[in-house]
Structure formats: structure tokens, C-alpha cells
Amino acid sequence: ATDFFEAFKSYDEAGERRRISCLKYLVLASMLMESKVDPFDAQEAKPYKHDPEIVAMTNLVEAYGQNDIAQFERVLRGRDGETILGDAFIRDYVEDLLRNVRTSVVLRLVQPYTSLTLAFLADELNVSVAAVEELVVDLILDGRLVGGELDQVTGVLSFKKAPIAVTAAGAGAADDPRAAAAAAAASSADAKYATLDRWAKQLLKLLASQSKGL
């Protein structure tokens, strides 16, 4: 995400229209990395928050930040979605974004319970029970649902004690050593988005080559 921000600043200083694309990819990277920092809090980015080409992404960010799965999906289905999905690079990551939002909702929903049904989670996420089961199994295997056990016959997710839901940033690690180990496992998921970093570096190289030619 840092590389995208540097690319955005460089294009912005040069007055290049590609600054808008860089800003969109910065927003995308922030969401994929499950960052709690709003990209538009940066002084350089604030003036573009209401730019017609950026509004769709800001609406997506707001829904994402609130873990509002219903609004997130409405944005993608509506006019904003046409703008977002019209970018092939962003389109390739939409499923990952949806999974991140669903993961955040599941981690929040399980907190008050020692057991709950997959049907309940499916209803909250507006997806099939099979889709929720796949997500929950992955979260358990990845160490994101510490102490969680899934009975796939009855469709019940249970915990021997109050659940410790581990976010990608490792929240909860300071409270339980199991969470610390799980946080380390969760951080390995960052490797999946190495493509974003490489793409950002290519943007910076392109900008540098253009600057030399001036």
C-alpha cells in the first residue's frame, strides 16, 4: 500500500491523470490488507474523496470499514459497481474483498456465543450454508477462530470457552498466547497480495522513466 501511495503522490505532483488510478489501487490494497486506516485520511488524498471517479471506491470503503456486508454488496450491484468492476485489475480482487468483509462479520458475530449454527451465519451474510461452512473451516484451519470446533453433521460451530477471533492485524494476541500463534499464521496471508506490491513498484519505475525523458 505504501508503494501505491508514493506512486499516487508522484503522479499528483506531476499533474498526471493516472494519480486517480493509483489512488483507487491504494484503496484496494488497504482493504485487502484489512487496514483500519482510511486512505482518505491522508492530506494528499482528501481532495479526491469526492472525485466522480473515486466516489464508487469511497462508498465501498465506507461499507467495508463498517463491515456492512449488505451495503457492500449493494454498492457492487449498483451504478458504483459498474465503475468498480469496469477496472479489470480491481475486478480480479472483488471476491477477495467480499471474503474479507464476510470474515470480519463472522469474527464479530461469534464473540458473544459458545455455540451457534451455520444457518444463522449464512442468514447474516446472505450466502448459502455451504459457503459459510467453507469459510468457517478455513478460519479454523488458519487459526482465526481460536478454539472453534465445527460439527459438519449438525451444522453447529462451538467453542469450549468464549471465542477468540483473531484479525489479520492480530487483535487478541496480547490477551491469549493461542491468539499470538494464530495471528502469526494469519499474517502469512499477506503473501497472497504480493502482486499488488509488484504492480505498485512498476508504476513507480514507469514514473521515474517518464521523468527522465522530460
Protein backbone atom coordinates (compact mmCIF):
# COMPACT_ATOMS: atom_id res chain seq x y z
CA ALA A 1 0.00 0.00 0.00
CA THR A 2 2.91 2.34 0.73
CA ASP A 3 4.17 1.95 -2.85
CA PHE A 4 0.75 2.85 -4.24
CA PHE A 5 0.65 5.93 -2.02
CA GLU A 6 4.10 7.01 -3.20
CA ALA A 7 3.06 6.46 -6.82
CA PHE A 8 -0.12 8.47 -6.21
CA LYS A 9 1.84 11.38 -4.68
CA SER A 10 4.34 11.38 -7.53
CA TYR A 11 1.63 11.41 -10.20
CA ASP A 12 -0.29 14.04 -8.25
CA GLU A 13 2.73 16.32 -8.08
CA ALA A 14 3.26 15.83 -11.81
CA GLY A 15 -0.41 16.60 -12.56
CA GLU A 16 -0.88 13.19 -14.18
CA ARG A 17 -4.41 11.78 -14.50
CA ARG A 18 -3.01 8.39 -13.56
CA ARG A 19 -3.00 9.63 -9.97
CA ILE A 20 -6.68 8.61 -9.86
CA SER A 21 -5.87 5.02 -10.81
CA CYS A 22 -3.09 4.92 -8.21
CA LEU A 23 -5.49 6.21 -5.57
CA LYS A 24 -8.06 3.55 -6.47
CA TYR A 25 -5.41 0.84 -6.17
CA LEU A 26 -4.24 2.32 -2.86
CA VAL A 27 -7.81 1.97 -1.59
CA LEU A 28 -7.97 -1.58 -2.91
CA ALA A 29 -4.67 -2.54 -1.25
CA SER A 30 -5.80 -1.06 2.08
CA MET A 31 -8.98 -3.12 2.04
CA LEU A 32 -7.22 -6.32 1.00
CA MET A 33 -4.68 -5.90 3.79
CA GLU A 34 -7.57 -5.31 6.22
CA SER A 35 -6.09 -1.99 7.26
CA LYS A 36 -8.13 0.03 9.76
CA VAL A 37 -6.67 3.27 8.38
CA ASP A 38 -8.86 5.22 5.97
CA PRO A 39 -6.69 6.02 2.91
CA PHE A 40 -8.54 9.32 2.57
CA ASP A 41 -7.33 10.49 5.96
CA ALA A 42 -4.07 11.40 4.21
CA GLN A 43 -3.89 15.11 3.40
CA GLU A 44 -2.85 14.41 -0.19
CA ALA A 45 -5.81 12.08 -0.81
CA LYS A 46 -8.58 14.09 0.87
CA PRO A 47 -9.23 16.45 -2.08
CA TYR A 48 -10.06 13.47 -4.30
CA LYS A 49 -12.53 11.75 -1.98
CA HIS A 50 -15.49 13.19 -3.89
CA ASP A 51 -13.96 12.99 -7.35
CA PRO A 52 -16.50 11.29 -9.68
CA GLU A 53 -14.02 8.52 -10.45
CA ILE A 54 -13.30 7.92 -6.77
CA VAL A 55 -16.79 8.13 -5.25
CA ALA A 56 -17.52 4.49 -6.07
CA MET A 57 -14.41 3.38 -4.19
CA THR A 58 -15.16 5.65 -1.22
CA ASN A 59 -18.65 4.14 -0.95
CA LEU A 60 -17.08 0.70 -0.99
CA VAL A 61 -14.54 1.73 1.67
CA GLU A 62 -17.28 3.07 3.96
CA ALA A 63 -19.27 -0.17 3.74
CA TYR A 64 -16.08 -2.18 4.18
CA GLY A 65 -14.97 -0.19 7.22
CA GLN A 66 -18.36 -0.73 8.88
CA ASN A 67 -18.35 -4.45 7.99
CA ASP A 68 -21.74 -3.80 6.38
CA ILE A 69 -21.99 -6.78 4.04
CA ALA A 70 -25.43 -5.77 2.74
CA GLN A 71 -24.30 -2.26 1.79
CA PHE A 72 -21.03 -3.59 0.38
CA GLU A 73 -22.94 -5.89 -1.98
CA ARG A 74 -25.42 -3.11 -2.87
CA VAL A 75 -22.52 -0.90 -3.94
CA LEU A 76 -21.18 -3.66 -6.18
CA ARG A 77 -24.61 -4.32 -7.71
CA GLY A 78 -25.44 -0.67 -8.31
CA ARG A 79 -24.08 2.06 -10.57
CA ASP A 80 -20.94 2.34 -8.46
CA GLY A 81 -20.34 -1.34 -9.09
CA GLU A 82 -20.20 -0.74 -12.83
CA THR A 83 -17.39 1.76 -12.26
CA ILE A 84 -15.53 -0.55 -9.88
CA LEU A 85 -15.91 -3.71 -11.94
CA GLY A 86 -15.04 -1.80 -15.10
CA ASP A 87 -11.41 -1.82 -13.93
CA ALA A 88 -10.01 -5.27 -14.75
CA PHE A 89 -7.31 -5.02 -12.10
CA ILE A 90 -9.81 -4.28 -9.33
CA ARG A 91 -12.31 -6.81 -10.69
CA ASP A 92 -9.78 -9.60 -10.13
CA TYR A 93 -9.80 -8.86 -6.39
CA VAL A 94 -13.51 -8.35 -5.74
CA GLU A 95 -14.02 -11.90 -4.46
CA ASP A 96 -11.12 -11.38 -2.04
CA LEU A 97 -12.76 -8.18 -0.79
CA LEU A 98 -16.07 -9.97 -0.27
CA ARG A 99 -14.31 -12.72 1.62
CA ASN A 100 -12.58 -10.18 3.87
CA VAL A 101 -15.89 -8.50 4.71
CA ARG A 102 -17.59 -11.84 5.39
CA THR A 103 -14.65 -12.90 7.54
CA SER A 104 -14.88 -9.70 9.62
CA VAL A 105 -18.63 -10.22 10.09
CA VAL A 106 -18.15 -13.84 11.21
CA LEU A 107 -15.38 -12.87 13.66
CA ARG A 108 -17.67 -10.23 15.15
CA LEU A 109 -20.78 -12.43 15.28
CA VAL A 110 -19.15 -15.32 17.14
CA GLN A 111 -17.90 -13.19 20.04
CA PRO A 112 -20.95 -13.47 22.36
CA TYR A 113 -21.53 -17.18 21.78
CA THR A 114 -20.15 -20.55 22.85
CA SER A 115 -22.12 -22.17 20.02
CA LEU A 116 -24.11 -21.04 17.00
CA THR A 117 -25.42 -22.56 13.80
CA LEU A 118 -24.09 -22.19 10.29
CA ALA A 119 -27.63 -21.37 9.22
CA PHE A 120 -27.56 -18.28 11.46
CA LEU A 121 -24.25 -17.13 9.99
CA ALA A 122 -25.48 -17.80 6.45
CA ASP A 123 -28.54 -15.65 7.08
CA GLU A 124 -26.42 -12.80 8.42
CA LEU A 125 -24.04 -12.98 5.44
CA ASN A 126 -26.78 -13.59 2.86
CA VAL A 127 -24.94 -16.60 1.44
CA SER A 128 -25.53 -20.35 1.37
CA VAL A 129 -24.82 -22.60 4.35
CA ALA A 130 -22.25 -24.40 2.18
CA ALA A 131 -20.40 -21.12 1.57
CA VAL A 132 -20.38 -20.31 5.29
CA GLU A 133 -19.16 -23.81 6.13
CA GLU A 134 -16.23 -23.41 3.73
CA LEU A 135 -15.37 -20.02 5.26
CA VAL A 136 -15.59 -21.25 8.85
CA VAL A 137 -13.46 -24.31 8.13
CA ASP A 138 -10.79 -22.08 6.55
CA LEU A 139 -10.87 -19.70 9.52
CA ILE A 140 -10.42 -22.56 11.96
CA LEU A 141 -7.56 -24.07 9.96
CA ASP A 142 -5.91 -20.64 9.60
CA GLY A 143 -6.12 -20.06 13.36
CA ARG A 144 -8.53 -17.15 13.02
CA LEU A 145 -11.22 -18.83 15.17
CA VAL A 146 -9.18 -20.00 18.15
CA GLY A 147 -10.79 -22.95 19.93
CA GLY A 148 -13.56 -23.29 17.37
CA GLU A 149 -14.91 -26.72 16.51
CA LEU A 150 -17.37 -27.35 13.69
CA ASP A 151 -19.80 -30.26 13.67
CA GLN A 152 -20.44 -30.57 9.95
CA VAL A 153 -23.26 -33.05 10.52
CA THR A 154 -25.37 -30.79 12.74
CA GLY A 155 -24.00 -27.56 11.26
CA VAL A 156 -23.03 -26.16 14.67
CA LEU A 157 -19.92 -24.14 15.42
CA SER A 158 -18.96 -24.40 19.08
CA PHE A 159 -16.24 -23.19 21.41
CA LYS A 160 -15.01 -24.81 24.63
CA LYS A 161 -14.66 -21.29 26.03
CA ALA A 162 -15.54 -17.81 24.85
CA PRO A 163 -14.14 -17.47 21.32
CA ILE A 164 -11.03 -15.50 20.50
CA ALA A 165 -11.41 -14.18 16.98
CA VAL A 166 -8.05 -13.20 15.51
CA THR A 167 -7.98 -10.43 12.93
CA ALA A 168 -5.31 -10.16 10.25
CA ALA A 169 -3.66 -7.48 12.39
CA GLY A 170 -3.51 -9.95 15.29
CA ALA A 171 -6.07 -8.39 17.64
CA GLY A 172 -6.44 -10.50 20.75
CA ALA A 173 -2.84 -11.72 20.70
CA ALA A 174 -1.95 -9.78 23.83
CA ASP A 175 -4.77 -11.47 25.74
CA ASP A 176 -4.05 -15.11 24.96
CA PRO A 177 -0.89 -16.94 23.82
CA ARG A 178 -3.01 -19.07 21.47
CA ALA A 179 -4.12 -15.90 19.74
CA ALA A 180 -0.49 -14.86 19.28
CA ALA A 181 0.26 -18.07 17.42
CA ALA A 182 -2.89 -17.70 15.37
CA ALA A 183 -2.00 -14.11 14.49
CA ALA A 184 1.32 -15.30 13.10
CA ALA A 185 -0.49 -17.80 10.91
CA ALA A 186 -2.93 -15.14 9.72
CA SER A 187 -0.13 -12.76 8.74
CA SER A 188 1.12 -15.28 6.19
CA ALA A 189 -1.93 -14.45 4.10
CA ASP A 190 -0.23 -11.16 3.18
CA ALA A 191 1.90 -13.08 0.69
CA LYS A 192 -1.20 -13.59 -1.41
CA TYR A 193 -1.18 -9.91 -2.27
CA ALA A 194 2.44 -9.67 -3.35
CA THR A 195 1.14 -8.91 -6.85
CA LEU A 196 -0.16 -5.58 -5.58
CA ASP A 197 3.29 -4.59 -4.35
CA ARG A 198 4.93 -5.60 -7.60
CA TRP A 199 2.35 -3.64 -9.57
CA ALA A 200 2.91 -0.56 -7.43
CA LYS A 201 6.68 -0.80 -7.91
CA GLN A 202 6.15 -1.00 -11.67
CA LEU A 203 4.13 2.22 -11.50
CA LEU A 204 6.98 3.95 -9.69
CA LYS A 205 9.51 2.71 -12.25
CA LEU A 206 7.29 3.92 -15.06
CA LEU A 207 7.00 7.34 -13.46
CA ALA A 208 10.78 7.52 -12.98
CA SER A 209 11.43 6.66 -16.63
CA GLN A 210 8.93 9.29 -17.76
CA SER A 211 10.55 11.91 -15.56
CA LYS A 212 13.96 11.20 -17.12
CA GLY A 213 12.51 11.72 -20.55
CA LEU A 214 11.29 15.22 -19.74
